Amino acid sequence: MSMGAYDEEEHERRERKNSEVDADFDDERTNYHGKVEYDSGESAEDLLDQFKEINEG
């Protein structure tokens, strides 16, 4: 078969493959328990001052 030639069997195989639905995966959500803490180590004023310096520079 030459390059670019139409292959009807391959087309049909791909159509069948694309039309199948894979329902083997777990449909339940995973629940995570715990807590998240954020600590930037700087106050809001320090961060604003740093932001102003960056914008001026």
N, C-alpha and C. Protein backbone atom coordinates (compact mmCIF):
# COMPACT_ATOMS: atom_id res chain seq x y z
N MET A 1 0.86 -1.18 0.00
CA MET A 1 0.00 0.00 0.00
C MET A 1 0.90 1.24 0.00
N SER A 2 0.59 2.20 -0.81
CA SER A 2 1.40 3.40 -0.91
C SER A 2 1.06 4.39 0.20
N MET A 3 1.97 5.31 0.43
CA MET A 3 1.73 6.34 1.45
C MET A 3 0.51 7.16 1.08
N GLY A 4 -0.34 7.40 2.04
CA GLY A 4 -1.52 8.23 1.81
C GLY A 4 -2.69 7.48 1.23
N ALA A 5 -2.53 6.20 0.96
CA ALA A 5 -3.63 5.42 0.41
C ALA A 5 -4.66 5.18 1.51
N TYR A 6 -5.91 5.18 1.13
CA TYR A 6 -7.00 4.99 2.08
C TYR A 6 -7.10 3.53 2.47
N ASP A 7 -7.06 3.29 3.78
CA ASP A 7 -7.16 1.92 4.29
C ASP A 7 -8.46 1.82 5.07
N GLU A 8 -9.47 1.24 4.44
CA GLU A 8 -10.80 1.16 5.05
C GLU A 8 -10.79 0.32 6.32
N GLU A 9 -10.03 -0.77 6.34
CA GLU A 9 -9.98 -1.61 7.54
C GLU A 9 -9.37 -0.86 8.72
N GLU A 10 -8.31 -0.11 8.46
CA GLU A 10 -7.69 0.68 9.53
C GLU A 10 -8.66 1.75 10.04
N HIS A 11 -9.37 2.38 9.14
CA HIS A 11 -10.35 3.40 9.51
C HIS A 11 -11.44 2.80 10.40
N GLU A 12 -11.94 1.65 10.02
CA GLU A 12 -12.98 0.99 10.81
C GLU A 12 -12.45 0.54 12.17
N ARG A 13 -11.20 0.05 12.22
CA ARG A 13 -10.59 -0.36 13.48
C ARG A 13 -10.48 0.84 14.42
N ARG A 14 -10.04 1.97 13.90
CA ARG A 14 -9.92 3.17 14.74
C ARG A 14 -11.28 3.67 15.21
N GLU A 15 -12.29 3.58 14.34
CA GLU A 15 -13.64 3.99 14.73
C GLU A 15 -14.16 3.12 15.87
N ARG A 16 -13.95 1.82 15.79
CA ARG A 16 -14.38 0.92 16.87
C ARG A 16 -13.64 1.25 18.16
N LYS A 17 -12.34 1.47 18.05
CA LYS A 17 -11.54 1.77 19.23
C LYS A 17 -12.01 3.07 19.90
N ASN A 18 -12.29 4.08 19.11
CA ASN A 18 -12.72 5.38 19.65
C ASN A 18 -14.14 5.36 20.20
N SER A 19 -14.95 4.41 19.75
CA SER A 19 -16.33 4.37 20.20
C SER A 19 -16.51 3.53 21.45
N GLU A 20 -15.45 2.81 21.87
CA GLU A 20 -15.56 2.00 23.09
C GLU A 20 -15.44 2.89 24.32
N VAL A 21 -16.20 2.55 25.35
CA VAL A 21 -16.17 3.29 26.60
C VAL A 21 -15.46 2.46 27.64
N ASP A 22 -14.46 3.06 28.27
CA ASP A 22 -13.71 2.36 29.32
C ASP A 22 -14.32 2.73 30.66
N ALA A 23 -15.08 1.81 31.25
CA ALA A 23 -15.74 2.07 32.53
C ALA A 23 -15.10 1.27 33.66
N ASP A 24 -13.84 0.87 33.46
CA ASP A 24 -13.16 0.07 34.46
C ASP A 24 -12.56 0.89 35.60
N PHE A 25 -12.57 2.21 35.47
CA PHE A 25 -11.96 3.03 36.50
C PHE A 25 -12.90 3.21 37.69
N ASP A 26 -12.34 3.55 38.82
CA ASP A 26 -13.10 3.76 40.05
C ASP A 26 -13.81 5.11 39.97
N ASP A 27 -15.11 5.12 40.08
CA ASP A 27 -15.88 6.35 39.90
C ASP A 27 -16.09 7.11 41.20
N GLU A 28 -15.53 6.64 42.29
CA GLU A 28 -15.73 7.32 43.57
C GLU A 28 -14.63 8.35 43.80
N ARG A 29 -14.99 9.44 44.46
CA ARG A 29 -14.00 10.47 44.79
C ARG A 29 -13.16 10.00 45.96
N THR A 30 -11.91 10.42 45.95
CA THR A 30 -11.01 10.10 47.05
C THR A 30 -11.07 11.24 48.06
N ASN A 31 -11.33 10.90 49.31
CA ASN A 31 -11.38 11.91 50.36
C ASN A 31 -10.05 11.94 51.09
N TYR A 32 -9.51 13.15 51.23
CA TYR A 32 -8.28 13.34 51.96
C TYR A 32 -8.58 14.07 53.25
N HIS A 33 -7.94 13.65 54.32
CA HIS A 33 -8.14 14.27 55.62
C HIS A 33 -6.81 14.84 56.10
N GLY A 34 -6.87 16.03 56.64
CA GLY A 34 -5.66 16.67 57.14
C GLY A 34 -5.83 18.17 57.11
N LYS A 35 -4.73 18.87 57.24
CA LYS A 35 -4.81 20.33 57.20
C LYS A 35 -3.63 20.89 56.43
N VAL A 36 -3.81 22.08 55.93
CA VAL A 36 -2.77 22.78 55.18
C VAL A 36 -2.55 24.12 55.84
N GLU A 37 -1.30 24.45 56.06
CA GLU A 37 -0.96 25.74 56.64
C GLU A 37 0.00 26.46 55.71
N TYR A 38 -0.20 27.76 55.55
CA TYR A 38 0.68 28.58 54.74
C TYR A 38 1.36 29.59 55.65
N ASP A 39 2.67 29.66 55.55
CA ASP A 39 3.42 30.62 56.35
C ASP A 39 4.45 31.26 55.43
N SER A 40 4.18 32.50 55.03
CA SER A 40 5.10 33.17 54.14
C SER A 40 6.30 33.73 54.90
N GLY A 41 6.16 33.86 56.22
CA GLY A 41 7.27 34.35 57.02
C GLY A 41 7.40 35.87 57.02
N GLU A 42 6.61 36.54 56.23
CA GLU A 42 6.68 38.00 56.15
C GLU A 42 5.30 38.58 56.36
N SER A 43 5.27 39.80 56.86
CA SER A 43 3.98 40.46 57.06
C SER A 43 3.48 41.00 55.72
N ALA A 44 2.23 41.36 55.69
CA ALA A 44 1.64 41.92 54.47
C ALA A 44 2.33 43.23 54.10
N GLU A 45 2.68 44.03 55.09
CA GLU A 45 3.36 45.31 54.82
C GLU A 45 4.72 45.07 54.18
N ASP A 46 5.47 44.08 54.68
CA ASP A 46 6.78 43.77 54.10
C ASP A 46 6.63 43.32 52.65
N LEU A 47 5.62 42.52 52.40
CA LEU A 47 5.39 42.05 51.03
C LEU A 47 4.99 43.19 50.11
N LEU A 48 4.17 44.12 50.59
CA LEU A 48 3.78 45.27 49.77
C LEU A 48 4.99 46.16 49.49
N ASP A 49 5.85 46.36 50.49
CA ASP A 49 7.06 47.16 50.28
C ASP A 49 7.96 46.51 49.23
N GLN A 50 8.09 45.19 49.32
CA GLN A 50 8.91 44.47 48.34
C GLN A 50 8.31 44.58 46.95
N PHE A 51 7.00 44.50 46.85
CA PHE A 51 6.31 44.63 45.56
C PHE A 51 6.55 46.02 44.96
N LYS A 52 6.47 47.05 45.79
CA LYS A 52 6.70 48.42 45.31
C LYS A 52 8.13 48.58 44.80
N GLU A 53 9.10 48.00 45.52
CA GLU A 53 10.50 48.07 45.11
C GLU A 53 10.71 47.39 43.75
N ILE A 54 10.08 46.25 43.56
CA ILE A 54 10.21 45.53 42.29
C ILE A 54 9.63 46.35 41.15
N ASN A 55 8.48 46.96 41.38
CA ASN A 55 7.84 47.74 40.32
C ASN A 55 8.61 49.02 40.00
N GLU A 56 9.27 49.62 40.98
CA GLU A 56 10.02 50.84 40.76
C GLU A 56 11.35 50.56 40.08
N GLY A 57 11.91 49.41 40.32
CA GLY A 57 13.26 49.08 39.86
C GLY A 57 13.32 48.80 38.42
